[in-house]
N, C-alpha and C. Protein backbone atom coordinates (compact mmCIF):
# COMPACT_ATOMS: atom_id res chain seq x y z
N MET A 1 0.82 -1.17 0.00
CA MET A 1 0.00 0.00 0.00
C MET A 1 0.87 1.25 0.00
N ALA A 2 0.59 2.03 -0.89
CA ALA A 2 1.34 3.28 -1.02
C ALA A 2 0.52 4.41 -0.40
N LYS A 3 1.23 5.32 0.25
CA LYS A 3 0.55 6.48 0.85
C LYS A 3 0.21 7.49 -0.20
N GLN A 4 -0.98 8.02 -0.07
CA GLN A 4 -1.37 9.06 -1.02
C GLN A 4 -0.92 10.42 -0.48
N LYS A 5 -0.41 11.21 -1.35
CA LYS A 5 0.07 12.53 -0.95
C LYS A 5 -1.10 13.51 -0.90
N LYS A 6 -1.07 14.36 0.17
CA LYS A 6 -2.08 15.40 0.30
C LYS A 6 -1.70 16.58 -0.57
N ALA A 7 -2.71 17.27 -1.02
CA ALA A 7 -2.45 18.46 -1.82
C ALA A 7 -1.94 19.56 -0.90
N MET A 8 -0.89 20.22 -1.30
CA MET A 8 -0.26 21.24 -0.46
C MET A 8 -0.81 22.64 -0.72
N ASP A 9 -1.63 22.82 -1.70
CA ASP A 9 -2.17 24.15 -1.95
C ASP A 9 -3.58 24.25 -1.35
N PHE A 10 -3.85 25.41 -0.79
CA PHE A 10 -5.16 25.63 -0.20
C PHE A 10 -5.53 27.09 -0.42
N GLU A 11 -6.80 27.39 -0.27
CA GLU A 11 -7.29 28.74 -0.50
C GLU A 11 -7.77 29.33 0.82
N VAL A 12 -7.44 30.59 1.02
CA VAL A 12 -7.88 31.31 2.20
C VAL A 12 -9.14 32.09 1.82
N ASP A 13 -10.14 31.95 2.66
CA ASP A 13 -11.40 32.64 2.41
C ASP A 13 -11.28 34.08 2.89
N LEU A 14 -11.01 34.99 1.99
CA LEU A 14 -10.79 36.39 2.34
C LEU A 14 -12.08 37.16 2.54
N ILE A 15 -13.19 36.61 2.16
CA ILE A 15 -14.47 37.30 2.33
C ILE A 15 -14.81 37.41 3.82
N ALA A 16 -14.57 36.35 4.56
CA ALA A 16 -14.84 36.39 6.00
C ALA A 16 -13.90 37.38 6.70
N VAL A 17 -12.65 37.42 6.32
CA VAL A 17 -11.68 38.34 6.93
C VAL A 17 -12.08 39.78 6.63
N SER A 18 -12.46 40.07 5.41
CA SER A 18 -12.85 41.44 5.06
C SER A 18 -14.14 41.83 5.77
N SER A 19 -15.05 40.91 6.00
CA SER A 19 -16.28 41.22 6.73
C SER A 19 -15.97 41.59 8.18
N VAL A 20 -15.07 40.85 8.82
CA VAL A 20 -14.69 41.15 10.21
C VAL A 20 -14.01 42.51 10.27
N LEU A 21 -13.12 42.81 9.33
CA LEU A 21 -12.44 44.10 9.32
C LEU A 21 -13.42 45.25 9.11
N ALA A 22 -14.42 45.05 8.27
CA ALA A 22 -15.41 46.10 8.04
C ALA A 22 -16.20 46.39 9.31
N VAL A 23 -16.56 45.38 10.05
CA VAL A 23 -17.29 45.57 11.31
C VAL A 23 -16.40 46.28 12.32
N GLN A 24 -15.13 45.91 12.41
CA GLN A 24 -14.23 46.55 13.36
C GLN A 24 -14.00 48.02 13.02
N ILE A 25 -13.88 48.34 11.76
CA ILE A 25 -13.69 49.74 11.37
C ILE A 25 -14.92 50.57 11.74
N CYS A 26 -16.10 50.03 11.51
CA CYS A 26 -17.33 50.75 11.89
C CYS A 26 -17.39 50.96 13.40
N ALA A 27 -17.02 49.97 14.17
CA ALA A 27 -17.04 50.09 15.63
C ALA A 27 -16.04 51.15 16.09
N MET A 28 -14.86 51.19 15.50
CA MET A 28 -13.86 52.19 15.88
C MET A 28 -14.31 53.60 15.52
N LEU A 29 -14.95 53.75 14.38
CA LEU A 29 -15.44 55.08 14.00
C LEU A 29 -16.53 55.57 14.94
N LEU A 30 -17.38 54.69 15.40
CA LEU A 30 -18.44 55.08 16.32
C LEU A 30 -17.89 55.44 17.70
N THR A 31 -16.93 54.68 18.19
CA THR A 31 -16.39 54.94 19.53
C THR A 31 -15.44 56.12 19.54
N ALA A 32 -14.90 56.54 18.42
CA ALA A 32 -14.02 57.71 18.39
C ALA A 32 -14.76 58.96 18.84
N VAL A 33 -16.03 59.07 18.55
CA VAL A 33 -16.83 60.22 18.98
C VAL A 33 -16.99 60.20 20.50
N TRP A 34 -17.19 59.04 21.08
CA TRP A 34 -17.39 58.95 22.53
C TRP A 34 -16.12 59.29 23.28
N ILE A 35 -14.98 58.96 22.74
CA ILE A 35 -13.73 59.27 23.42
C ILE A 35 -13.58 60.78 23.56
N HIS A 36 -13.91 61.51 22.54
CA HIS A 36 -13.80 62.97 22.60
C HIS A 36 -14.81 63.57 23.58
N LEU A 37 -16.00 63.07 23.62
CA LEU A 37 -17.03 63.60 24.51
C LEU A 37 -16.79 63.24 25.96
N GLY A 38 -16.10 62.14 26.22
CA GLY A 38 -15.91 61.68 27.58
C GLY A 38 -14.68 62.23 28.26
N THR A 39 -14.01 63.22 27.69
CA THR A 39 -12.82 63.78 28.31
C THR A 39 -13.13 65.12 28.94
N MET A 40 -12.26 65.53 29.85
CA MET A 40 -12.38 66.86 30.43
C MET A 40 -10.98 67.40 30.69
N ASN A 41 -10.86 68.70 30.70
CA ASN A 41 -9.56 69.34 30.90
C ASN A 41 -9.24 69.36 32.38
N VAL A 42 -8.10 68.78 32.73
CA VAL A 42 -7.67 68.73 34.12
C VAL A 42 -6.22 69.19 34.17
N LYS A 43 -5.93 70.07 35.10
CA LYS A 43 -4.56 70.53 35.28
C LYS A 43 -4.06 70.00 36.62
N GLN A 44 -2.79 69.69 36.63
CA GLN A 44 -2.18 69.22 37.86
C GLN A 44 -1.95 70.43 38.76
N ALA A 45 -2.40 70.36 39.99
CA ALA A 45 -2.34 71.51 40.88
C ALA A 45 -0.94 71.77 41.40
N VAL A 46 -0.19 70.73 41.69
CA VAL A 46 1.13 70.89 42.28
C VAL A 46 2.15 70.30 41.33
N GLY A 47 3.04 71.14 40.82
CA GLY A 47 4.15 70.64 40.02
C GLY A 47 3.85 70.44 38.56
N GLY A 48 2.79 71.02 38.03
CA GLY A 48 2.45 70.82 36.63
C GLY A 48 3.15 71.78 35.69
N GLN A 49 3.78 72.82 36.21
CA GLN A 49 4.42 73.81 35.37
C GLN A 49 5.78 74.17 35.96
N SER A 50 6.55 74.91 35.20
CA SER A 50 7.88 75.28 35.69
C SER A 50 7.74 76.32 36.79
N GLN A 51 8.79 76.50 37.55
CA GLN A 51 8.75 77.41 38.67
C GLN A 51 8.63 78.87 38.21
N ALA A 52 9.18 79.18 37.04
CA ALA A 52 9.10 80.55 36.53
C ALA A 52 7.66 80.89 36.12
N GLU A 53 6.90 79.91 35.64
CA GLU A 53 5.53 80.15 35.21
C GLU A 53 4.54 80.19 36.36
N THR A 54 4.92 79.67 37.50
CA THR A 54 4.01 79.55 38.63
C THR A 54 3.77 80.90 39.28
N LYS A 55 2.51 81.27 39.37
CA LYS A 55 2.13 82.51 40.05
C LYS A 55 2.04 82.21 41.54
N LYS A 56 2.61 83.08 42.34
CA LYS A 56 2.62 82.90 43.78
C LYS A 56 1.23 83.20 44.34
N VAL A 57 0.52 82.16 44.70
CA VAL A 57 -0.83 82.28 45.25
C VAL A 57 -0.76 81.83 46.71
N PRO A 58 -1.28 82.62 47.63
CA PRO A 58 -1.26 82.18 49.02
C PRO A 58 -2.07 80.89 49.19
N ALA A 59 -1.49 79.98 49.93
CA ALA A 59 -2.14 78.68 50.12
C ALA A 59 -2.00 78.24 51.56
N LEU A 60 -2.91 77.42 51.96
CA LEU A 60 -2.92 76.83 53.29
C LEU A 60 -2.80 75.32 53.12
N TRP A 61 -1.75 74.76 53.69
CA TRP A 61 -1.55 73.30 53.64
C TRP A 61 -2.13 72.71 54.91
N ALA A 62 -2.94 71.67 54.77
CA ALA A 62 -3.54 70.99 55.92
C ALA A 62 -3.09 69.54 55.88
N LYS A 63 -2.20 69.18 56.80
CA LYS A 63 -1.69 67.81 56.85
C LYS A 63 -2.49 67.02 57.88
N MET A 64 -3.07 65.93 57.42
CA MET A 64 -3.88 65.09 58.30
C MET A 64 -2.95 64.19 59.12
N GLY A 65 -3.19 64.15 60.42
CA GLY A 65 -2.38 63.32 61.30
C GLY A 65 -3.23 62.29 62.01
N ALA A 66 -2.61 61.60 62.92
CA ALA A 66 -3.30 60.56 63.68
C ALA A 66 -4.24 61.19 64.71
N GLY A 67 -5.34 60.54 64.97
CA GLY A 67 -6.28 60.99 65.98
C GLY A 67 -7.09 62.21 65.60
N GLY A 68 -7.17 62.53 64.32
CA GLY A 68 -7.95 63.68 63.89
C GLY A 68 -7.20 65.00 63.96
N THR A 69 -5.89 64.95 64.18
CA THR A 69 -5.09 66.16 64.27
C THR A 69 -4.82 66.71 62.87
N ILE A 70 -4.96 68.01 62.72
CA ILE A 70 -4.66 68.70 61.47
C ILE A 70 -3.53 69.69 61.74
N THR A 71 -2.46 69.62 60.96
CA THR A 71 -1.35 70.56 61.07
C THR A 71 -1.44 71.53 59.90
N PHE A 72 -1.65 72.79 60.20
CA PHE A 72 -1.76 73.82 59.18
C PHE A 72 -0.41 74.48 58.97
N ARG A 73 -0.07 74.72 57.70
CA ARG A 73 1.17 75.41 57.34
C ARG A 73 0.83 76.41 56.24
N LEU A 74 1.25 77.65 56.43
CA LEU A 74 0.98 78.70 55.45
C LEU A 74 2.08 78.74 54.40
N GLN A 75 1.68 79.07 53.16
CA GLN A 75 2.64 79.18 52.07
C GLN A 75 2.37 80.49 51.33
N ASP A 76 3.42 81.25 51.10
CA ASP A 76 3.37 82.51 50.34
C ASP A 76 2.49 83.56 50.99
N ILE A 77 2.48 83.60 52.32
CA ILE A 77 1.80 84.67 53.06
C ILE A 77 2.85 85.28 53.97
N ALA A 78 3.46 86.36 53.51
CA ALA A 78 4.57 86.97 54.24
C ALA A 78 4.09 87.74 55.47
N SER A 79 2.88 88.26 55.43
CA SER A 79 2.40 89.11 56.51
C SER A 79 1.87 88.33 57.71
N ALA A 80 1.89 87.02 57.66
CA ALA A 80 1.34 86.21 58.76
C ALA A 80 2.32 86.18 59.93
N PRO A 81 1.81 86.35 61.15
CA PRO A 81 2.70 86.25 62.31
C PRO A 81 3.18 84.82 62.52
N LYS A 82 4.24 84.71 63.30
CA LYS A 82 4.87 83.39 63.51
C LYS A 82 3.92 82.40 64.17
N ASN A 83 3.01 82.87 65.03
CA ASN A 83 2.12 81.93 65.72
C ASN A 83 1.07 81.33 64.79
N LEU A 84 0.93 81.86 63.56
CA LEU A 84 -0.02 81.29 62.60
C LEU A 84 0.67 80.55 61.47
N GLN A 85 2.00 80.57 61.42
CA GLN A 85 2.72 79.91 60.32
C GLN A 85 2.50 78.40 60.34
N VAL A 86 2.68 77.77 61.49
CA VAL A 86 2.46 76.33 61.65
C VAL A 86 1.63 76.14 62.91
N VAL A 87 0.45 75.56 62.76
CA VAL A 87 -0.48 75.40 63.88
C VAL A 87 -1.06 73.99 63.84
N ASP A 88 -1.11 73.35 65.00
CA ASP A 88 -1.76 72.05 65.13
C ASP A 88 -3.14 72.26 65.75
N VAL A 89 -4.15 71.65 65.14
CA VAL A 89 -5.50 71.64 65.70
C VAL A 89 -5.79 70.20 66.06
N ALA A 90 -5.80 69.92 67.36
CA ALA A 90 -5.96 68.55 67.84
C ALA A 90 -7.38 68.07 67.63
N GLY A 91 -7.51 66.80 67.33
CA GLY A 91 -8.82 66.20 67.16
C GLY A 91 -9.42 65.78 68.48
N VAL A 92 -10.70 65.45 68.44
CA VAL A 92 -11.42 65.02 69.62
C VAL A 92 -11.98 63.63 69.33
N ASN A 93 -11.56 62.63 70.11
CA ASN A 93 -12.02 61.25 69.95
C ASN A 93 -11.85 60.74 68.52
N ASN A 94 -10.66 60.95 67.95
CA ASN A 94 -10.33 60.53 66.58
C ASN A 94 -11.21 61.18 65.52
N GLU A 95 -11.82 62.30 65.85
CA GLU A 95 -12.62 63.07 64.89
C GLU A 95 -11.98 64.45 64.77
N PHE A 96 -12.26 65.13 63.68
CA PHE A 96 -11.74 66.47 63.49
C PHE A 96 -12.43 67.45 64.43
N ASN A 97 -11.66 68.41 64.90
CA ASN A 97 -12.20 69.51 65.69
C ASN A 97 -12.65 70.58 64.70
N LEU A 98 -13.87 70.46 64.18
CA LEU A 98 -14.35 71.32 63.11
C LEU A 98 -14.45 72.78 63.55
N ALA A 99 -14.81 73.01 64.80
CA ALA A 99 -14.88 74.39 65.30
C ALA A 99 -13.49 75.00 65.37
N GLY A 100 -12.50 74.22 65.79
CA GLY A 100 -11.12 74.72 65.85
C GLY A 100 -10.55 74.99 64.47
N ILE A 101 -10.91 74.15 63.50
CA ILE A 101 -10.45 74.35 62.13
C ILE A 101 -11.05 75.63 61.56
N ALA A 102 -12.35 75.82 61.78
CA ALA A 102 -13.03 77.03 61.28
C ALA A 102 -12.45 78.28 61.92
N ALA A 103 -12.15 78.23 63.21
CA ALA A 103 -11.59 79.39 63.91
C ALA A 103 -10.21 79.72 63.36
N HIS A 104 -9.41 78.71 63.10
CA HIS A 104 -8.06 78.95 62.57
C HIS A 104 -8.13 79.52 61.15
N VAL A 105 -9.01 79.00 60.33
CA VAL A 105 -9.15 79.52 58.96
C VAL A 105 -9.61 80.97 59.00
N GLU A 106 -10.53 81.30 59.88
CA GLU A 106 -11.00 82.70 59.99
C GLU A 106 -9.88 83.62 60.45
N ALA A 107 -9.04 83.16 61.38
CA ALA A 107 -7.91 83.98 61.84
C ALA A 107 -6.93 84.23 60.70
N ILE A 108 -6.72 83.25 59.85
CA ILE A 108 -5.80 83.43 58.73
C ILE A 108 -6.44 84.33 57.67
N ARG A 109 -7.73 84.21 57.45
CA ARG A 109 -8.40 85.03 56.42
C ARG A 109 -8.47 86.51 56.82
N LYS A 110 -8.36 86.81 58.11
CA LYS A 110 -8.29 88.21 58.52
C LYS A 110 -6.96 88.83 58.08
N ILE A 111 -5.91 88.00 58.09
CA ILE A 111 -4.59 88.48 57.68
C ILE A 111 -4.46 88.48 56.16
N ALA A 112 -4.94 87.42 55.53
CA ALA A 112 -4.85 87.26 54.07
C ALA A 112 -6.25 87.06 53.51
N PRO A 113 -6.98 88.14 53.21
CA PRO A 113 -8.36 87.99 52.73
C PRO A 113 -8.47 87.33 51.36
N ASP A 114 -7.38 87.33 50.58
CA ASP A 114 -7.42 86.71 49.26
C ASP A 114 -7.09 85.22 49.30
N LEU A 115 -6.96 84.66 50.47
CA LEU A 115 -6.67 83.23 50.61
C LEU A 115 -7.89 82.42 50.22
N ARG A 116 -7.73 81.55 49.21
CA ARG A 116 -8.84 80.69 48.77
C ARG A 116 -8.40 79.26 48.55
N THR A 117 -7.11 78.98 48.65
CA THR A 117 -6.57 77.68 48.29
C THR A 117 -6.19 76.89 49.53
N VAL A 118 -6.68 75.67 49.59
CA VAL A 118 -6.29 74.73 50.64
C VAL A 118 -5.83 73.45 49.97
N LEU A 119 -4.64 73.01 50.33
CA LEU A 119 -4.11 71.74 49.83
C LEU A 119 -4.05 70.77 50.99
N ILE A 120 -4.74 69.66 50.86
CA ILE A 120 -4.84 68.68 51.93
C ILE A 120 -3.80 67.59 51.68
N GLN A 121 -3.01 67.30 52.70
CA GLN A 121 -2.03 66.22 52.64
C GLN A 121 -2.51 65.09 53.53
N PRO A 122 -3.08 64.04 52.95
CA PRO A 122 -3.54 62.94 53.79
C PRO A 122 -2.37 62.11 54.30
N ASP A 123 -2.61 61.47 55.40
CA ASP A 123 -1.65 60.52 55.94
C ASP A 123 -1.71 59.24 55.12
N GLY A 124 -0.76 58.36 55.27
CA GLY A 124 -0.77 57.11 54.53
C GLY A 124 -1.96 56.23 54.88
N ASP A 125 -2.47 56.35 56.09
CA ASP A 125 -3.59 55.51 56.51
C ASP A 125 -4.89 56.31 56.66
N SER A 126 -4.96 57.48 56.02
CA SER A 126 -6.17 58.30 56.08
C SER A 126 -7.29 57.63 55.31
N MET A 127 -8.47 57.69 55.89
CA MET A 127 -9.63 57.12 55.22
C MET A 127 -10.19 58.13 54.23
N TYR A 128 -10.72 57.62 53.13
CA TYR A 128 -11.27 58.46 52.07
C TYR A 128 -12.41 59.33 52.60
N GLU A 129 -13.24 58.79 53.46
CA GLU A 129 -14.37 59.54 54.00
C GLU A 129 -13.90 60.74 54.81
N LYS A 130 -12.78 60.59 55.51
CA LYS A 130 -12.24 61.69 56.32
C LYS A 130 -11.73 62.81 55.43
N ILE A 131 -11.11 62.45 54.31
CA ILE A 131 -10.63 63.47 53.37
C ILE A 131 -11.81 64.26 52.80
N ILE A 132 -12.86 63.55 52.42
CA ILE A 132 -14.05 64.21 51.87
C ILE A 132 -14.72 65.09 52.93
N GLN A 133 -14.77 64.61 54.16
CA GLN A 133 -15.36 65.39 55.25
C GLN A 133 -14.58 66.69 55.45
N LEU A 134 -13.26 66.59 55.41
CA LEU A 134 -12.43 67.78 55.58
C LEU A 134 -12.61 68.74 54.40
N MET A 135 -12.70 68.22 53.20
CA MET A 135 -12.93 69.07 52.02
C MET A 135 -14.28 69.78 52.12
N ASP A 136 -15.32 69.06 52.54
CA ASP A 136 -16.64 69.68 52.71
C ASP A 136 -16.60 70.80 53.74
N HIS A 137 -15.85 70.57 54.81
CA HIS A 137 -15.78 71.59 55.86
C HIS A 137 -15.04 72.83 55.35
N PHE A 138 -13.97 72.64 54.60
CA PHE A 138 -13.26 73.79 54.03
C PHE A 138 -14.16 74.56 53.06
N LYS A 139 -14.96 73.86 52.28
CA LYS A 139 -15.89 74.54 51.38
C LYS A 139 -16.91 75.35 52.17
N SER A 140 -17.36 74.82 53.30
CA SER A 140 -18.38 75.51 54.08
C SER A 140 -17.84 76.77 54.76
N VAL A 141 -16.52 76.85 55.00
CA VAL A 141 -15.95 78.05 55.61
C VAL A 141 -15.41 79.02 54.57
N GLY A 142 -15.67 78.76 53.28
CA GLY A 142 -15.35 79.73 52.25
C GLY A 142 -14.10 79.50 51.46
N MET A 143 -13.45 78.37 51.62
CA MET A 143 -12.27 78.06 50.83
C MET A 143 -12.74 77.44 49.52
N ILE A 144 -12.45 78.10 48.41
CA ILE A 144 -13.00 77.69 47.11
C ILE A 144 -12.13 76.66 46.41
N ASP A 145 -10.83 76.92 46.34
CA ASP A 145 -9.92 76.05 45.61
C ASP A 145 -9.35 75.00 46.55
N LEU A 146 -9.76 73.75 46.34
CA LEU A 146 -9.29 72.66 47.18
C LEU A 146 -8.47 71.70 46.35
N GLY A 147 -7.52 71.07 46.98
CA GLY A 147 -6.72 70.07 46.30
C GLY A 147 -6.23 69.05 47.30
N VAL A 148 -5.89 67.88 46.78
CA VAL A 148 -5.33 66.82 47.61
C VAL A 148 -3.94 66.56 47.08
N ALA A 149 -2.95 66.76 47.94
CA ALA A 149 -1.56 66.56 47.55
C ALA A 149 -1.25 65.08 47.55
N PRO A 150 -0.40 64.64 46.63
CA PRO A 150 -0.03 63.22 46.62
C PRO A 150 0.73 62.83 47.87
N LEU A 151 0.64 61.56 48.21
CA LEU A 151 1.33 61.06 49.41
C LEU A 151 2.82 61.12 49.23
């Protein structure tokens, strides 16, 4: 018995391949519109531009600590007295002392009425809800520009 040789030539069905490519091209054209509509302009608040381009805006840094403690540090406010440059507002029962925070912000706004920026520095173990609570409180006392600094 002799083995029969198989034919080595075969045909590729290009109609199926072209149909799949046509469907993929249509899908890409449709989703290209959604990509443009789903974007928004976002600028990096800290470190997005060169130092020469950066306008000196007075800012208040709020570093979250353990037990609800907030450490405030002023930036670019030359007229502030030394007792307001770095201030700790201790928390009560692992919660923020919201009245103490509001009083400190008001004392700083008397010195720098154009102060609108607060940058929050969370701790490594800060809970997301606490950051949002602090941001809401700053909004309620009149701080418009809020940001969260990277860890």
